[in-house]
């Protein structure tokens, strides 16, 4: 429950999670899709549930998450060849339930929650400099969402929105040709997507939407 997953070659990694309502796990399991066998691999340095996980350059990254009431900003990298986790530079913010994706050979971590509330901030990790940098935030604060890369952009796809300073951005989707509309100040929630266009000199988050017939 609340674990992360990653795929490297034919290996599927199941990372962290929790086995009760309070604590996190530092364990990591590896299932090989060819041999149909499962084995334990090295433990993480931190216990993590509600963590973010992604793969970059053949290494697995475990970011943030929480252990009980403690929310992490620490980040660990797993070397599949040596079976070792190593701590790298931490994120700028503590994050649990954040979403991660890889774009242009860098890791983007978006949203999440910490002790101060829900987040719309986004930060990017450059493996060549081992540094985290803030980029343009999402326009909305999301409770449950996914983050994916598609054709040089990052999409945050949300089902639930959280009020941000009293304003919720609402949009709906359909199968019709795009006819973007944005309604600010709406009090209910709906489906939608936030787009982070990193191909522009200054990345801005914009809402991509369609109106139901």
C-alpha atoms as a PDB file:
ATOM      1  CA  UNK A   1       0.000   0.000   0.000  1.00  0.00           C
ATOM      2  CA  UNK A   2       1.283   3.487  -0.946  1.00  0.00           C
ATOM      3  CA  UNK A   3       4.407   1.994  -2.513  1.00  0.00           C
ATOM      4  CA  UNK A   4       6.237   3.020  -5.676  1.00  0.00           C
ATOM      5  CA  UNK A   5       7.018   0.929  -8.744  1.00  0.00           C
ATOM      6  CA  UNK A   6       9.692   1.107 -11.438  1.00  0.00           C
ATOM      7  CA  UNK A   7      10.757  -0.976 -14.426  1.00  0.00           C
ATOM      8  CA  UNK A   8      14.379  -1.506 -15.489  1.00  0.00           C
ATOM      9  CA  UNK A   9      14.808  -4.018 -18.290  1.00  0.00           C
ATOM     10  CA  UNK A  10      12.853  -7.133 -17.343  1.00  0.00           C
ATOM     11  CA  UNK A  11      12.868  -6.264 -13.630  1.00  0.00           C
ATOM     12  CA  UNK A  12       9.895  -4.695 -11.851  1.00  0.00           C
ATOM     13  CA  UNK A  13      10.763  -2.994  -8.563  1.00  0.00           C
ATOM     14  CA  UNK A  14       8.245  -2.497  -5.748  1.00  0.00           C
ATOM     15  CA  UNK A  15       9.621   0.136  -3.405  1.00  0.00           C
ATOM     16  CA  UNK A  16       8.639   1.244   0.080  1.00  0.00           C
ATOM     17  CA  UNK A  17       4.998   1.523   1.109  1.00  0.00           C
ATOM     18  CA  UNK A  18       3.502   0.684   4.487  1.00  0.00           C
ATOM     19  CA  UNK A  19       2.086  -2.343   6.240  1.00  0.00           C
ATOM     20  CA  UNK A  20       0.066  -0.409   8.818  1.00  0.00           C
ATOM     21  CA  UNK A  21      -1.562   2.997   9.066  1.00  0.00           C
ATOM     22  CA  UNK A  22       1.466   4.726  10.617  1.00  0.00           C
ATOM     23  CA  UNK A  23       4.923   3.598   9.545  1.00  0.00           C
ATOM     24  CA  UNK A  24       6.716   3.357   6.234  1.00  0.00           C
ATOM     25  CA  UNK A  25       8.843   0.589   4.752  1.00  0.00           C
ATOM     26  CA  UNK A  26      12.441   0.731   3.560  1.00  0.00           C
ATOM     27  CA  UNK A  27      12.173  -2.599   1.755  1.00  0.00           C
ATOM     28  CA  UNK A  28      12.445  -3.099  -1.989  1.00  0.00           C
ATOM     29  CA  UNK A  29      11.366  -6.181  -3.952  1.00  0.00           C
ATOM     30  CA  UNK A  30      12.378  -7.077  -7.478  1.00  0.00           C
ATOM     31  CA  UNK A  31      10.240  -9.293  -9.738  1.00  0.00           C
ATOM     32  CA  UNK A  32      11.815 -10.610 -12.932  1.00  0.00           C
ATOM     33  CA  UNK A  33       9.247 -10.967 -15.700  1.00  0.00           C
ATOM     34  CA  UNK A  34      11.304 -13.616 -17.516  1.00  0.00           C
ATOM     35  CA  UNK A  35      12.151 -15.998 -14.684  1.00  0.00           C
ATOM     36  CA  UNK A  36       8.918 -15.191 -12.777  1.00  0.00           C
ATOM     37  CA  UNK A  37      10.928 -14.953  -9.552  1.00  0.00           C
ATOM     38  CA  UNK A  38      10.845 -12.327  -6.834  1.00  0.00           C
ATOM     39  CA  UNK A  39      13.760 -11.365  -4.604  1.00  0.00           C
ATOM     40  CA  UNK A  40      14.570  -8.800  -1.960  1.00  0.00           C
ATOM     41  CA  UNK A  41      17.159  -6.195  -2.840  1.00  0.00           C
ATOM     42  CA  UNK A  42      18.994  -3.635  -0.710  1.00  0.00           C
ATOM     43  CA  UNK A  43      17.075  -1.559   1.825  1.00  0.00           C
ATOM     44  CA  UNK A  44      16.646   2.173   1.382  1.00  0.00           C
ATOM     45  CA  UNK A  45      18.216   4.488   3.936  1.00  0.00           C
ATOM     46  CA  UNK A  46      14.775   5.932   4.787  1.00  0.00           C
ATOM     47  CA  UNK A  47      11.404   4.350   5.444  1.00  0.00           C
ATOM     48  CA  UNK A  48       9.028   5.716   2.834  1.00  0.00           C
ATOM     49  CA  UNK A  49       5.377   5.442   1.914  1.00  0.00           C
ATOM     50  CA  UNK A  50       3.473   7.746  -0.441  1.00  0.00           C
ATOM     51  CA  UNK A  51       6.807   8.243  -2.216  1.00  0.00           C
ATOM     52  CA  UNK A  52       7.579   9.230  -5.808  1.00  0.00           C
ATOM     53  CA  UNK A  53       9.543   6.811  -7.988  1.00  0.00           C
ATOM     54  CA  UNK A  54      11.021   7.054 -11.484  1.00  0.00           C
ATOM     55  CA  UNK A  55      13.894   5.708 -13.600  1.00  0.00           C
ATOM     56  CA  UNK A  56      16.643   7.782 -15.180  1.00  0.00           C
ATOM     57  CA  UNK A  57      19.704   6.447 -17.008  1.00  0.00           C
ATOM     58  CA  UNK A  58      19.034   2.929 -15.758  1.00  0.00           C
ATOM     59  CA  UNK A  59      18.926   3.943 -12.076  1.00  0.00           C
ATOM     60  CA  UNK A  60      15.845   3.975  -9.826  1.00  0.00           C
ATOM     61  CA  UNK A  61      15.065   7.135  -7.860  1.00  0.00           C
ATOM     62  CA  UNK A  62      12.954   7.193  -4.685  1.00  0.00           C
ATOM     63  CA  UNK A  63      11.904  10.704  -3.697  1.00  0.00           C
ATOM     64  CA  UNK A  64      10.165  12.148  -0.685  1.00  0.00           C
ATOM     65  CA  UNK A  65       7.339  10.217   0.928  1.00  0.00           C
ATOM     66  CA  UNK A  66       6.707   9.900   4.614  1.00  0.00           C
ATOM     67  CA  UNK A  67       7.324   7.730   7.647  1.00  0.00           C
ATOM     68  CA  UNK A  68       4.533   8.250  10.143  1.00  0.00           C
ATOM     69  CA  UNK A  69       4.134  12.010  10.603  1.00  0.00           C
ATOM     70  CA  UNK A  70       7.594  12.787   9.197  1.00  0.00           C
ATOM     71  CA  UNK A  71       7.582  13.898   5.544  1.00  0.00           C
ATOM     72  CA  UNK A  72      10.844  13.572   3.629  1.00  0.00           C
ATOM     73  CA  UNK A  73      12.609  15.771   1.144  1.00  0.00           C
ATOM     74  CA  UNK A  74      15.476  13.302   0.882  1.00  0.00           C
ATOM     75  CA  UNK A  75      16.136  11.404  -2.356  1.00  0.00           C
ATOM     76  CA  UNK A  76      17.814   8.037  -2.922  1.00  0.00           C
ATOM     77  CA  UNK A  77      19.215   6.485  -6.094  1.00  0.00           C
ATOM     78  CA  UNK A  78      19.416   2.715  -6.607  1.00  0.00           C
ATOM     79  CA  UNK A  79      22.189   1.197  -8.723  1.00  0.00           C
ATOM     80  CA  UNK A  80      20.776  -2.034 -10.136  1.00  0.00           C
ATOM     81  CA  UNK A  81      24.225  -3.398 -10.985  1.00  0.00           C
ATOM     82  CA  UNK A  82      25.763  -2.974  -7.521  1.00  0.00           C
ATOM     83  CA  UNK A  83      22.500  -3.444  -5.559  1.00  0.00           C
ATOM     84  CA  UNK A  84      23.140  -0.276  -3.544  1.00  0.00           C
ATOM     85  CA  UNK A  85      21.077   2.776  -2.609  1.00  0.00           C
ATOM     86  CA  UNK A  86      22.841   6.120  -2.207  1.00  0.00           C
ATOM     87  CA  UNK A  87      21.514   9.446  -0.952  1.00  0.00           C
ATOM     88  CA  UNK A  88      21.758  12.342  -3.395  1.00  0.00           C
ATOM     89  CA  UNK A  89      20.948  16.011  -2.928  1.00  0.00           C
ATOM     90  CA  UNK A  90      17.514  16.453  -1.341  1.00  0.00           C
ATOM     91  CA  UNK A  91      14.592  18.258  -2.950  1.00  0.00           C
ATOM     92  CA  UNK A  92      13.871  21.857  -2.007  1.00  0.00           C
ATOM     93  CA  UNK A  93      10.581  20.900  -0.345  1.00  0.00           C
ATOM     94  CA  UNK A  94       9.296  18.000   1.692  1.00  0.00           C
ATOM     95  CA  UNK A  95       6.790  16.068  -0.425  1.00  0.00           C
ATOM     96  CA  UNK A  96       4.520  13.079   0.009  1.00  0.00           C
ATOM     97  CA  UNK A  97       2.037  11.959  -2.675  1.00  0.00           C
ATOM     98  CA  UNK A  98       3.958  13.952  -5.304  1.00  0.00           C
ATOM     99  CA  UNK A  99       4.214  12.738  -8.908  1.00  0.00           C
ATOM    100  CA  UNK A 100       7.396  12.287 -10.918  1.00  0.00           C
ATOM    101  CA  UNK A 101       8.252  12.004 -14.612  1.00  0.00           C
ATOM    102  CA  UNK A 102      11.376  12.147 -16.787  1.00  0.00           C
ATOM    103  CA  UNK A 103      11.721  14.742 -19.538  1.00  0.00           C
ATOM    104  CA  UNK A 104      14.849  15.731 -21.480  1.00  0.00           C
ATOM    105  CA  UNK A 105      17.050  13.509 -19.298  1.00  0.00           C
ATOM    106  CA  UNK A 106      15.907  15.236 -16.097  1.00  0.00           C
ATOM    107  CA  UNK A 107      13.492  14.315 -13.309  1.00  0.00           C
ATOM    108  CA  UNK A 108      10.472  16.516 -12.618  1.00  0.00           C
ATOM    109  CA  UNK A 109       8.590  16.196  -9.318  1.00  0.00           C
ATOM    110  CA  UNK A 110       5.237  17.961  -9.113  1.00  0.00           C
ATOM    111  CA  UNK A 111       2.779  18.724  -6.342  1.00  0.00           C
ATOM    112  CA  UNK A 112       2.272  16.584  -3.287  1.00  0.00           C
ATOM    113  CA  UNK A 113       1.606  17.506   0.301  1.00  0.00           C
ATOM    114  CA  UNK A 114       3.687  18.447   3.329  1.00  0.00           C
ATOM    115  CA  UNK A 115       3.055  19.755   6.837  1.00  0.00           C
ATOM    116  CA  UNK A 116       2.070  23.149   5.391  1.00  0.00           C
ATOM    117  CA  UNK A 117      -0.607  21.784   3.052  1.00  0.00           C
ATOM    118  CA  UNK A 118      -1.005  20.759  -0.565  1.00  0.00           C
ATOM    119  CA  UNK A 119       1.578  21.924  -3.109  1.00  0.00           C
ATOM    120  CA  UNK A 120       1.421  23.177  -6.669  1.00  0.00           C
ATOM    121  CA  UNK A 121       5.184  23.717  -6.910  1.00  0.00           C
ATOM    122  CA  UNK A 122       7.355  21.771  -9.356  1.00  0.00           C
ATOM    123  CA  UNK A 123      11.084  21.103  -9.185  1.00  0.00           C
ATOM    124  CA  UNK A 124      13.515  19.473 -11.579  1.00  0.00           C
ATOM    125  CA  UNK A 125      16.618  17.375 -10.898  1.00  0.00           C
ATOM    126  CA  UNK A 126      19.671  17.521 -13.159  1.00  0.00           C
ATOM    127  CA  UNK A 127      21.803  14.361 -12.689  1.00  0.00           C
ATOM    128  CA  UNK A 128      24.849  16.096 -14.186  1.00  0.00           C
ATOM    129  CA  UNK A 129      24.905  18.822 -11.532  1.00  0.00           C
ATOM    130  CA  UNK A 130      23.128  16.881  -8.739  1.00  0.00           C
ATOM    131  CA  UNK A 131      20.900  19.912  -8.141  1.00  0.00           C
ATOM    132  CA  UNK A 132      17.162  20.521  -7.727  1.00  0.00           C
ATOM    133  CA  UNK A 133      15.696  23.701  -9.231  1.00  0.00           C
ATOM    134  CA  UNK A 134      12.183  25.135  -9.077  1.00  0.00           C
ATOM    135  CA  UNK A 135      10.345  25.638 -12.369  1.00  0.00           C
ATOM    136  CA  UNK A 136       6.953  27.208 -13.069  1.00  0.00           C
ATOM    137  CA  UNK A 137       4.271  25.893 -10.673  1.00  0.00           C
ATOM    138  CA  UNK A 138       1.071  24.186 -11.731  1.00  0.00           C
ATOM    139  CA  UNK A 139      -1.936  26.491 -11.929  1.00  0.00           C
ATOM    140  CA  UNK A 140      -3.973  24.287  -9.589  1.00  0.00           C
ATOM    141  CA  UNK A 141      -3.306  22.293  -6.438  1.00  0.00           C
ATOM    142  CA  UNK A 142      -4.195  18.655  -7.054  1.00  0.00           C
ATOM    143  CA  UNK A 143      -5.214  16.020  -4.530  1.00  0.00           C
ATOM    144  CA  UNK A 144      -5.036  12.980  -6.814  1.00  0.00           C
ATOM    145  CA  UNK A 145      -3.277  13.180 -10.156  1.00  0.00           C
ATOM    146  CA  UNK A 146      -0.818  11.551 -12.533  1.00  0.00           C
ATOM    147  CA  UNK A 147       2.169  13.116 -14.262  1.00  0.00           C
ATOM    148  CA  UNK A 148       3.343  11.905 -17.681  1.00  0.00           C
ATOM    149  CA  UNK A 149       5.690  13.020 -20.454  1.00  0.00           C
ATOM    150  CA  UNK A 150       4.296  13.308 -23.976  1.00  0.00           C
ATOM    151  CA  UNK A 151       5.966  14.872 -27.024  1.00  0.00           C
ATOM    152  CA  UNK A 152       8.289  17.139 -25.060  1.00  0.00           C
ATOM    153  CA  UNK A 153       5.753  18.296 -22.471  1.00  0.00           C
ATOM    154  CA  UNK A 154       4.658  17.213 -19.007  1.00  0.00           C
ATOM    155  CA  UNK A 155       0.973  16.638 -18.307  1.00  0.00           C
ATOM    156  CA  UNK A 156      -0.573  16.605 -14.827  1.00  0.00           C
ATOM    157  CA  UNK A 157      -3.883  14.732 -15.168  1.00  0.00           C
ATOM    158  CA  UNK A 158      -6.186  15.312 -12.231  1.00  0.00           C
ATOM    159  CA  UNK A 159      -9.517  14.039 -10.958  1.00  0.00           C
ATOM    160  CA  UNK A 160      -9.651  16.137  -7.804  1.00  0.00           C
ATOM    161  CA  UNK A 161      -8.605  19.745  -7.296  1.00  0.00           C
ATOM    162  CA  UNK A 162      -7.865  21.444  -4.000  1.00  0.00           C
ATOM    163  CA  UNK A 163      -8.768  25.068  -3.398  1.00  0.00           C
ATOM    164  CA  UNK A 164      -5.736  27.338  -3.693  1.00  0.00           C
ATOM    165  CA  UNK A 165      -6.276  30.654  -1.907  1.00  0.00           C
ATOM    166  CA  UNK A 166     -10.019  30.305  -2.393  1.00  0.00           C
ATOM    167  CA  UNK A 167      -9.934  29.648  -6.136  1.00  0.00           C
ATOM    168  CA  UNK A 168     -10.416  26.338  -7.892  1.00  0.00           C
ATOM    169  CA  UNK A 169      -9.774  26.039 -11.631  1.00  0.00           C
ATOM    170  CA  UNK A 170     -12.298  23.670 -13.189  1.00  0.00           C
ATOM    171  CA  UNK A 171     -12.409  22.080 -16.613  1.00  0.00           C
ATOM    172  CA  UNK A 172     -14.020  19.083 -18.262  1.00  0.00           C
ATOM    173  CA  UNK A 173     -13.111  16.827 -21.167  1.00  0.00           C
ATOM    174  CA  UNK A 174     -14.967  15.334 -24.100  1.00  0.00           C
ATOM    175  CA  UNK A 175     -14.272  13.618 -27.422  1.00  0.00           C
ATOM    176  CA  UNK A 176     -15.056  16.742 -29.420  1.00  0.00           C
ATOM    177  CA  UNK A 177     -12.482  18.946 -31.125  1.00  0.00           C
ATOM    178  CA  UNK A 178     -10.669  21.190 -28.599  1.00  0.00           C
ATOM    179  CA  UNK A 179     -12.557  24.274 -27.541  1.00  0.00           C
ATOM    180  CA  UNK A 180     -10.614  25.429 -24.480  1.00  0.00           C
ATOM    181  CA  UNK A 181     -12.467  27.104 -21.646  1.00  0.00           C
ATOM    182  CA  UNK A 182     -11.429  27.943 -18.105  1.00  0.00           C
ATOM    183  CA  UNK A 183     -13.757  28.708 -15.260  1.00  0.00           C
ATOM    184  CA  UNK A 184     -12.058  30.194 -12.215  1.00  0.00           C
ATOM    185  CA  UNK A 185     -13.716  30.260  -8.828  1.00  0.00           C
ATOM    186  CA  UNK A 186     -15.810  27.137  -9.385  1.00  0.00           C
ATOM    187  CA  UNK A 187     -16.569  25.227  -6.219  1.00  0.00           C
ATOM    188  CA  UNK A 188     -16.895  21.685  -7.557  1.00  0.00           C
ATOM    189  CA  UNK A 189     -14.266  19.443  -9.162  1.00  0.00           C
ATOM    190  CA  UNK A 190     -13.866  17.757 -12.503  1.00  0.00           C
ATOM    191  CA  UNK A 191     -11.474  16.023 -14.877  1.00  0.00           C
ATOM    192  CA  UNK A 192      -8.726  17.870 -16.655  1.00  0.00           C
ATOM    193  CA  UNK A 193      -5.048  18.374 -17.440  1.00  0.00           C
ATOM    194  CA  UNK A 194      -2.404  20.927 -16.624  1.00  0.00           C
ATOM    195  CA  UNK A 195       0.368  21.293 -19.200  1.00  0.00           C
ATOM    196  CA  UNK A 196       3.933  22.274 -18.407  1.00  0.00           C
ATOM    197  CA  UNK A 197       5.592  23.273 -21.671  1.00  0.00           C
ATOM    198  CA  UNK A 198       9.357  23.046 -21.139  1.00  0.00           C
ATOM    199  CA  UNK A 199      10.144  23.829 -24.777  1.00  0.00           C
ATOM    200  CA  UNK A 200       9.568  27.540 -24.159  1.00  0.00           C
ATOM    201  CA  UNK A 201      12.357  29.790 -22.783  1.00  0.00           C
ATOM    202  CA  UNK A 202      10.241  30.467 -19.693  1.00  0.00           C
ATOM    203  CA  UNK A 203       8.098  27.509 -18.794  1.00  0.00           C
ATOM    204  CA  UNK A 204       4.558  28.353 -17.797  1.00  0.00           C
ATOM    205  CA  UNK A 205       1.791  26.030 -16.719  1.00  0.00           C
ATOM    206  CA  UNK A 206      -1.395  26.354 -18.739  1.00  0.00           C
ATOM    207  CA  UNK A 207      -4.720  24.573 -18.607  1.00  0.00           C
ATOM    208  CA  UNK A 208      -5.729  22.477 -21.583  1.00  0.00           C
ATOM    209  CA  UNK A 209      -9.446  21.835 -21.631  1.00  0.00           C
ATOM    210  CA  UNK A 210     -12.513  21.038 -23.649  1.00  0.00           C
ATOM    211  CA  UNK A 211     -16.187  21.690 -23.047  1.00  0.00           C
ATOM    212  CA  UNK A 212     -18.771  18.950 -22.907  1.00  0.00           C
ATOM    213  CA  UNK A 213     -21.510  19.169 -25.555  1.00  0.00           C
END
